[in-house]
Amino acid sequence: MTRVYTDGACIGNPGPGGWAWAVPAGPYASGPDPQTTNQRMEIRAALEAVLAHDGQLEVVSDSTYVVNCFRDRWWEGWMARGWMNKARQPVANRDLWEPLIEAVRGDPGRVRFTWVKGHSADVMNDLVDRLAVEAARTQLGQRGEGTPTLLGPADLRAAAASPATAAARSAGAAVAGVPEGHLLLAAGLRPPAMGGYGPNAVADGVRRKLAEVLVAKTQLHPDLVVLTGMGLGAEQLAAEAAIDAGVPYVAVLAFPGQDTVWPSDAREHFQHLLDKAHAQVLLQAKAPQNRQAVAASMSRRDAWLARNAVEAIVVWDGTDPALGRTVRSLKEHLGEEDVWVIDPDE
């Protein structure tokens, strides 16, 4: 069986991107795209690798978006629903997913997908990462055998991942990938307080209210950008509302794999929203190992969001005491007039 490593990169999201694949001590290839997203480049890398190799193939990727599609068989649901996801939205990147899925299912058992943790000192993952970044940076591809000599730096997304970069933002410097503008923090209630875990009338109503507020705010701040931690509930509804309102949003993730414990449909929707994000900021390079560490990571994320936002919108019904403390803290930090509260029951 041939093992091929794949990766994608994007300078900005969207922005110029690159894809790459490489076989240990074997062939490698990379290619550019002038305007794309991180997720599209991950899919493209896998597609190019599958099309380039015959026989039994193991595709090794650090993209859960790619690996979980086949491990959890998301594609079966997509096709059964006429290429709609469980959130009743068209499947993002269908133009790339469809040929990849057809290539894999056309010869059942030939291709399998394996996840590898990114930026974890895996030599081959690092190699394809740097190949993809070089293609994104230069907008030139390359092919060859063995170890390529033209390699770019590590993934440009890592610049936004380090605590030092977050600290730089708090001191007034820009974080890589986060657009300059009027940064609005979106937070609030989680399921089941939002009507449940799946699509429902309460969540639909909140999303509409959020979109209305965002549209109104763009009249005052044309450079409006939403910051969301991408948690279940209000944070993801804010991302959906931003899409509806045509406002860019940035996914600020506390640690990699925060969706690991979620059901497969929730993970699929999470990846869909990540793909639509203008940029991603990863505040911690490694996943926490216990509940206490998870709580600490989430607290650091919340502090980062409050520190970098100039305004906030919070979905709160007035009963959750922890969220109430968050509202009071934000008002003290940002000012009473710069914190909006939306009641899901109104």
Protein backbone atom coordinates (compact mmCIF):
# COMPACT_ATOMS: atom_id res chain seq x y z
CA MET A 1 0.00 0.00 0.00
CA THR A 2 1.25 3.49 -0.90
CA ARG A 3 1.14 6.08 1.86
CA VAL A 4 0.73 9.65 0.63
CA TYR A 5 0.68 12.75 2.83
CA THR A 6 -1.46 15.74 1.84
CA ASP A 7 -1.94 19.30 3.03
CA GLY A 8 -3.43 22.63 1.98
CA ALA A 9 -2.57 26.21 2.87
CA CYS A 10 -4.10 29.63 2.38
CA ILE A 11 -2.74 33.13 2.98
CA GLY A 12 -5.88 34.65 4.41
CA ASN A 13 -9.19 32.86 4.18
CA PRO A 14 -10.12 33.40 1.40
CA GLY A 15 -6.87 34.30 -0.31
CA PRO A 16 -4.08 32.80 -2.42
CA GLY A 17 -3.67 29.13 -1.60
CA GLY A 18 -1.69 26.02 -2.34
CA TRP A 19 -2.04 22.23 -2.13
CA ALA A 20 0.57 19.48 -1.88
CA TRP A 21 1.04 15.73 -1.61
CA ALA A 22 4.15 13.62 -1.10
CA VAL A 23 5.09 9.95 -0.76
CA PRO A 24 7.95 9.17 1.66
CA ALA A 25 11.14 8.75 -0.41
CA GLY A 26 8.98 8.96 -3.51
CA PRO A 27 7.19 11.48 -5.74
CA TYR A 28 5.71 14.78 -4.63
CA ALA A 29 3.60 17.50 -6.22
CA SER A 30 2.12 20.87 -5.34
CA GLY A 31 -0.01 23.49 -7.04
CA PRO A 32 -1.45 26.99 -6.49
CA ASP A 33 -4.87 28.63 -6.51
CA PRO A 34 -5.13 32.44 -6.74
CA GLN A 35 -8.28 32.79 -4.60
CA THR A 36 -9.42 29.99 -2.35
CA THR A 37 -9.85 28.80 1.26
CA ASN A 38 -7.98 26.52 3.64
CA GLN A 39 -10.64 23.83 3.43
CA ARG A 40 -10.73 23.84 -0.36
CA MET A 41 -6.98 23.35 -0.50
CA GLU A 42 -7.20 20.40 1.91
CA ILE A 43 -9.78 18.71 -0.33
CA ARG A 44 -7.83 19.58 -3.48
CA ALA A 45 -4.66 18.06 -2.03
CA ALA A 46 -6.47 14.79 -1.30
CA LEU A 47 -8.11 14.78 -4.74
CA GLU A 48 -4.81 15.34 -6.53
CA ALA A 49 -3.17 12.56 -4.50
CA VAL A 50 -5.94 10.04 -5.20
CA LEU A 51 -5.96 10.82 -8.92
CA ALA A 52 -2.17 10.58 -9.15
CA HIS A 53 -1.83 7.07 -7.69
CA ASP A 54 -3.09 3.63 -8.65
CA GLY A 55 -3.44 0.64 -6.36
CA GLN A 56 -4.00 0.55 -2.61
CA LEU A 57 -3.58 4.01 -1.13
CA GLU A 58 -3.50 5.50 2.37
CA VAL A 59 -4.08 9.27 2.39
CA VAL A 60 -2.64 10.87 5.54
CA SER A 61 -4.03 14.33 6.30
CA ASP A 62 -4.18 16.70 9.26
CA SER A 63 -7.62 17.88 8.10
CA THR A 64 -10.50 16.40 10.10
CA TYR A 65 -12.74 17.93 7.44
CA VAL A 66 -11.29 15.54 4.85
CA VAL A 67 -10.68 12.49 7.03
CA ASN A 68 -14.05 12.55 8.82
CA CYS A 69 -15.95 12.84 5.55
CA PHE A 70 -14.82 9.31 4.75
CA ARG A 71 -14.37 7.90 8.25
CA ASP A 72 -17.88 9.00 9.31
CA ARG A 73 -19.27 8.63 5.77
CA TRP A 74 -20.68 12.16 5.61
CA TRP A 75 -20.81 11.82 1.84
CA GLU A 76 -23.57 9.20 2.02
CA GLY A 77 -25.89 11.67 3.74
CA TRP A 78 -24.93 14.46 1.37
CA MET A 79 -25.80 12.38 -1.67
CA ALA A 80 -29.01 11.02 -0.15
CA ARG A 81 -30.17 14.58 0.55
CA GLY A 82 -29.27 15.82 -2.93
CA TRP A 83 -26.01 17.42 -1.79
CA MET A 84 -27.54 19.23 1.17
CA ASN A 85 -26.06 18.92 4.66
CA LYS A 86 -28.06 18.27 7.82
CA ALA A 87 -28.44 22.00 8.40
CA ARG A 88 -30.46 22.16 5.15
CA GLN A 89 -27.69 24.09 3.41
CA PRO A 90 -25.86 23.19 0.18
CA VAL A 91 -22.69 21.23 0.85
CA ALA A 92 -19.75 23.61 0.66
CA ASN A 93 -17.07 22.85 -1.91
CA ARG A 94 -19.21 20.35 -3.78
CA ASP A 95 -17.19 20.95 -6.95
CA LEU A 96 -14.17 19.40 -5.21
CA TRP A 97 -15.93 16.90 -2.97
CA GLU A 98 -17.88 15.28 -5.81
CA PRO A 99 -14.89 14.15 -7.93
CA LEU A 100 -12.98 13.06 -4.81
CA ILE A 101 -15.90 11.01 -3.51
CA GLU A 102 -16.49 9.49 -6.93
CA ALA A 103 -12.82 8.53 -7.22
CA VAL A 104 -12.89 6.85 -3.80
CA ARG A 105 -16.23 5.06 -4.06
CA GLY A 106 -15.55 3.98 -7.64
CA ASP A 107 -13.13 1.36 -6.29
CA PRO A 108 -14.34 0.44 -2.78
CA GLY A 109 -11.55 -0.41 -0.38
CA ARG A 110 -8.76 1.01 -2.53
CA VAL A 111 -8.35 4.29 -0.60
CA ARG A 112 -8.39 4.84 3.12
CA PHE A 113 -7.89 8.06 5.07
CA THR A 114 -5.81 8.54 8.23
CA TRP A 115 -5.59 11.63 10.41
CA VAL A 116 -2.28 13.00 11.65
CA LYS A 117 -1.95 15.86 14.08
CA GLY A 118 -0.64 18.96 12.36
CA HIS A 119 2.48 20.78 13.59
CA SER A 120 3.43 17.78 15.73
CA ALA A 121 6.96 17.09 14.42
CA ASP A 122 5.77 14.55 11.85
CA VAL A 123 8.42 14.89 9.13
CA MET A 124 6.14 14.18 6.17
CA ASN A 125 3.27 16.30 7.48
CA ASP A 126 5.72 19.16 7.88
CA LEU A 127 7.05 18.62 4.35
CA VAL A 128 3.68 18.81 2.61
CA ASP A 129 2.70 21.71 4.86
CA ARG A 130 5.72 23.69 3.68
CA LEU A 131 5.21 22.63 0.06
CA ALA A 132 1.62 23.90 0.18
CA VAL A 133 2.68 27.19 1.80
CA GLU A 134 5.35 27.71 -0.86
CA ALA A 135 2.77 27.14 -3.60
CA ALA A 136 0.42 29.61 -1.93
CA ARG A 137 3.16 32.21 -1.51
CA THR A 138 4.68 31.98 -5.00
CA GLN A 139 1.60 30.77 -6.91
CA LEU A 140 3.86 28.19 -8.54
CA GLY A 141 3.63 24.41 -8.29
CA GLN A 142 6.39 21.84 -8.41
CA ARG A 143 6.85 18.12 -9.00
CA GLY A 144 9.70 15.73 -8.41
CA GLU A 145 11.11 12.73 -6.58
CA GLY A 146 12.66 12.52 -3.13
CA THR A 147 12.99 15.61 -0.93
CA PRO A 148 12.06 18.92 -2.58
CA THR A 149 14.54 21.76 -2.23
CA LEU A 150 12.11 24.68 -2.61
CA LEU A 151 10.21 24.65 0.65
CA GLY A 152 8.38 27.52 2.26
CA PRO A 153 8.13 28.28 5.98
CA ALA A 154 5.72 26.47 8.26
CA ASP A 155 2.00 26.99 7.68
CA LEU A 156 1.16 30.70 7.81
CA ARG A 157 -1.90 29.89 9.91
CA ALA A 158 0.44 28.99 12.76
CA ALA A 159 1.32 32.64 13.16
CA ALA A 160 -2.16 33.25 14.49
CA ALA A 161 -1.94 30.22 16.76
CA SER A 162 0.74 31.31 19.17
CA PRO A 163 0.01 33.05 22.47
CA ALA A 164 2.75 35.54 21.57
CA THR A 165 0.78 36.61 18.52
CA ALA A 166 -2.37 36.99 20.57
CA ALA A 167 -0.40 39.15 22.98
CA ALA A 168 0.81 41.23 20.06
CA ARG A 169 -2.80 41.86 19.05
CA SER A 170 -3.65 43.07 22.54
CA ALA A 171 -0.72 45.48 22.29
CA GLY A 172 -2.10 46.91 19.05
CA ALA A 173 -0.43 44.76 16.40
CA ALA A 174 -2.48 42.80 13.86
CA VAL A 175 -2.91 39.04 14.10
CA ALA A 176 -2.11 37.23 10.85
CA GLY A 177 -5.32 36.53 8.95
CA VAL A 178 -7.60 38.69 11.13
CA PRO A 179 -8.85 41.64 9.10
CA GLU A 180 -8.57 45.17 10.40
CA GLY A 181 -11.96 46.57 11.24
CA HIS A 182 -14.66 47.00 13.85
CA LEU A 183 -14.37 43.71 15.74
CA LEU A 184 -17.61 42.52 17.34
CA LEU A 185 -17.61 39.59 19.76
CA ALA A 186 -20.58 37.21 19.55
CA ALA A 187 -21.36 34.88 22.46
CA GLY A 188 -24.24 33.45 24.44
CA LEU A 189 -26.40 30.49 25.30
CA ARG A 190 -25.66 26.92 24.29
CA PRO A 191 -28.03 23.98 23.72
CA PRO A 192 -30.42 22.93 25.09
CA ALA A 193 -31.26 26.52 26.11
CA MET A 194 -31.38 27.40 22.41
CA GLY A 195 -34.29 25.09 21.71
CA GLY A 196 -32.23 21.91 21.38
CA TYR A 197 -29.21 20.64 19.52
CA GLY A 198 -30.72 20.44 16.05
CA PRO A 199 -32.43 23.03 13.84
CA ASN A 200 -35.45 24.50 15.62
CA ALA A 201 -37.70 27.56 15.76
CA VAL A 202 -35.87 29.19 18.68
CA ALA A 203 -32.49 28.94 16.98
CA ASP A 204 -33.96 30.17 13.69
CA GLY A 205 -35.41 33.20 15.47
CA VAL A 206 -32.12 34.02 17.17
CA ARG A 207 -30.22 33.74 13.90
CA ARG A 208 -32.65 36.17 12.25
CA LYS A 209 -32.29 38.65 15.12
CA LEU A 210 -28.52 38.41 14.98
CA ALA A 211 -28.51 38.96 11.23
CA GLU A 212 -30.78 42.01 11.61
CA VAL A 213 -28.44 43.51 14.20
CA LEU A 214 -25.39 42.84 12.04
CA VAL A 215 -27.00 44.45 8.99
CA ALA A 216 -27.90 47.51 11.08
CA LYS A 217 -24.38 47.75 12.47
CA THR A 218 -22.81 47.68 9.03
CA GLN A 219 -24.55 51.00 8.37
CA LEU A 220 -22.47 52.50 11.18
CA HIS A 221 -19.39 50.32 10.70
CA PRO A 222 -18.89 49.18 7.09
CA ASP A 223 -15.71 47.38 8.25
CA LEU A 224 -17.63 45.21 10.75
CA VAL A 225 -16.05 41.81 11.51
CA VAL A 226 -17.60 39.20 13.83
CA LEU A 227 -15.41 37.25 16.27
CA THR A 228 -16.88 33.89 17.30
CA GLY A 229 -15.53 31.03 19.38
CA MET A 230 -17.57 28.59 17.22
CA GLY A 231 -19.12 26.74 20.16
CA LEU A 232 -22.51 25.07 19.81
CA GLY A 233 -25.44 27.43 20.17
CA ALA A 234 -25.17 31.21 19.93
CA GLU A 235 -21.56 31.25 18.73
CA GLN A 236 -22.32 29.16 15.66
CA LEU A 237 -25.62 30.97 15.10
CA ALA A 238 -23.60 34.19 14.99
CA ALA A 239 -21.44 32.71 12.23
CA GLU A 240 -24.58 31.71 10.31
CA ALA A 241 -26.06 35.18 10.82
CA ALA A 242 -22.84 36.76 9.57
CA ILE A 243 -23.12 34.67 6.39
CA ASP A 244 -26.74 35.77 5.96
CA ALA A 245 -25.80 39.43 6.54
CA GLY A 246 -22.76 39.32 4.27
CA VAL A 247 -20.41 40.18 7.15
CA PRO A 248 -16.99 38.49 7.48
CA TYR A 249 -16.38 36.45 10.61
CA VAL A 250 -13.29 35.03 12.28
CA ALA A 251 -13.35 31.63 14.00
CA VAL A 252 -11.35 31.93 17.22
CA LEU A 253 -10.60 28.39 18.43
CA ALA A 254 -9.35 27.66 21.94
CA PHE A 255 -7.53 24.49 20.88
CA PRO A 256 -7.42 22.02 17.96
CA GLY A 257 -10.15 19.42 17.78
CA GLN A 258 -12.64 21.20 20.02
CA ASP A 259 -15.40 19.42 18.07
CA THR A 260 -13.98 15.92 18.71
CA VAL A 261 -16.63 14.93 21.28
CA TRP A 262 -19.57 16.26 19.27
CA PRO A 263 -21.94 14.06 17.20
CA SER A 264 -20.99 13.59 13.55
CA ASP A 265 -23.68 15.95 12.22
CA ALA A 266 -22.53 18.71 14.59
CA ARG A 267 -18.93 18.16 13.50
CA GLU A 268 -19.94 18.34 9.86
CA HIS A 269 -21.72 21.66 10.42
CA PHE A 270 -18.75 22.99 12.39
CA GLN A 271 -16.42 22.23 9.48
CA HIS A 272 -18.86 23.86 7.07
CA LEU A 273 -18.79 27.07 9.13
CA LEU A 274 -15.00 26.97 9.42
CA ASP A 275 -14.82 26.82 5.64
CA LYS A 276 -16.95 29.96 5.38
CA ALA A 277 -14.87 31.91 7.93
CA HIS A 278 -12.75 34.82 6.73
CA ALA A 279 -9.94 33.58 8.96
CA GLN A 280 -9.16 31.19 11.80
CA VAL A 281 -7.21 31.95 14.96
CA LEU A 282 -5.97 28.96 16.97
CA LEU A 283 -4.91 30.08 20.43
CA GLN A 284 -3.35 26.83 21.65
CA ALA A 285 -1.30 24.42 19.58
CA LYS A 286 -2.13 21.26 21.57
CA ALA A 287 -5.45 19.87 22.74
CA PRO A 288 -5.93 19.86 26.55
CA GLN A 289 -5.74 16.49 28.27
CA ASN A 290 -8.42 16.82 30.99
CA ARG A 291 -11.52 18.80 31.92
CA GLN A 292 -9.61 21.28 34.05
CA ALA A 293 -7.26 22.03 31.17
CA VAL A 294 -10.22 22.40 28.80
CA ALA A 295 -11.82 24.93 31.16
CA ALA A 296 -8.56 26.87 31.40
CA SER A 297 -8.24 26.93 27.60
CA MET A 298 -11.79 28.19 27.19
CA SER A 299 -11.18 30.91 29.77
CA ARG A 300 -8.11 32.07 27.88
CA ARG A 301 -10.13 32.13 24.68
CA ASP A 302 -12.87 34.21 26.30
CA ALA A 303 -10.25 36.63 27.61
CA TRP A 304 -8.69 36.92 24.14
CA LEU A 305 -12.06 37.66 22.58
CA ALA A 306 -12.93 40.32 25.17
CA ARG A 307 -9.50 41.90 24.88
CA ASN A 308 -9.61 42.20 21.08
CA ALA A 309 -13.26 43.14 20.54
CA VAL A 310 -14.55 46.70 20.61
CA GLU A 311 -18.19 45.69 20.86
CA ALA A 312 -20.17 42.59 21.83
CA ILE A 313 -23.51 40.92 21.22
CA VAL A 314 -24.68 38.24 23.68
CA VAL A 315 -27.63 35.87 23.42
CA TRP A 316 -28.95 35.58 26.99
CA ASP A 317 -32.34 34.89 28.52
CA GLY A 318 -31.46 36.54 31.83
CA THR A 319 -31.36 33.31 33.83
CA ASP A 320 -27.95 31.69 33.27
CA PRO A 321 -25.75 33.10 36.08
CA ALA A 322 -22.41 32.33 34.41
CA LEU A 323 -23.50 34.10 31.24
CA GLY A 324 -24.80 36.95 33.35
CA ARG A 325 -21.33 37.41 34.81
CA THR A 326 -19.94 37.44 31.29
CA VAL A 327 -22.39 40.20 30.30
CA ARG A 328 -21.46 42.29 33.33
CA SER A 329 -17.75 41.78 32.68
CA LEU A 330 -18.10 42.81 29.04
CA LYS A 331 -20.06 45.92 30.00
CA GLU A 332 -17.36 46.89 32.46
CA HIS A 333 -14.68 46.32 29.84
CA LEU A 334 -16.36 47.69 26.72
CA GLY A 335 -19.00 50.00 28.16
CA GLU A 336 -22.74 49.60 28.66
CA GLU A 337 -23.60 51.01 25.23
CA ASP A 338 -21.29 48.59 23.40
CA VAL A 339 -22.82 45.33 24.68
CA TRP A 340 -26.07 44.21 23.06
CA VAL A 341 -28.17 41.47 24.67
CA ILE A 342 -30.63 39.38 22.65
CA ASP A 343 -33.29 37.41 24.53
CA PRO A 344 -34.12 34.22 22.57
CA ASP A 345 -37.63 34.17 24.03
CA GLU A 346 -38.63 37.62 22.79
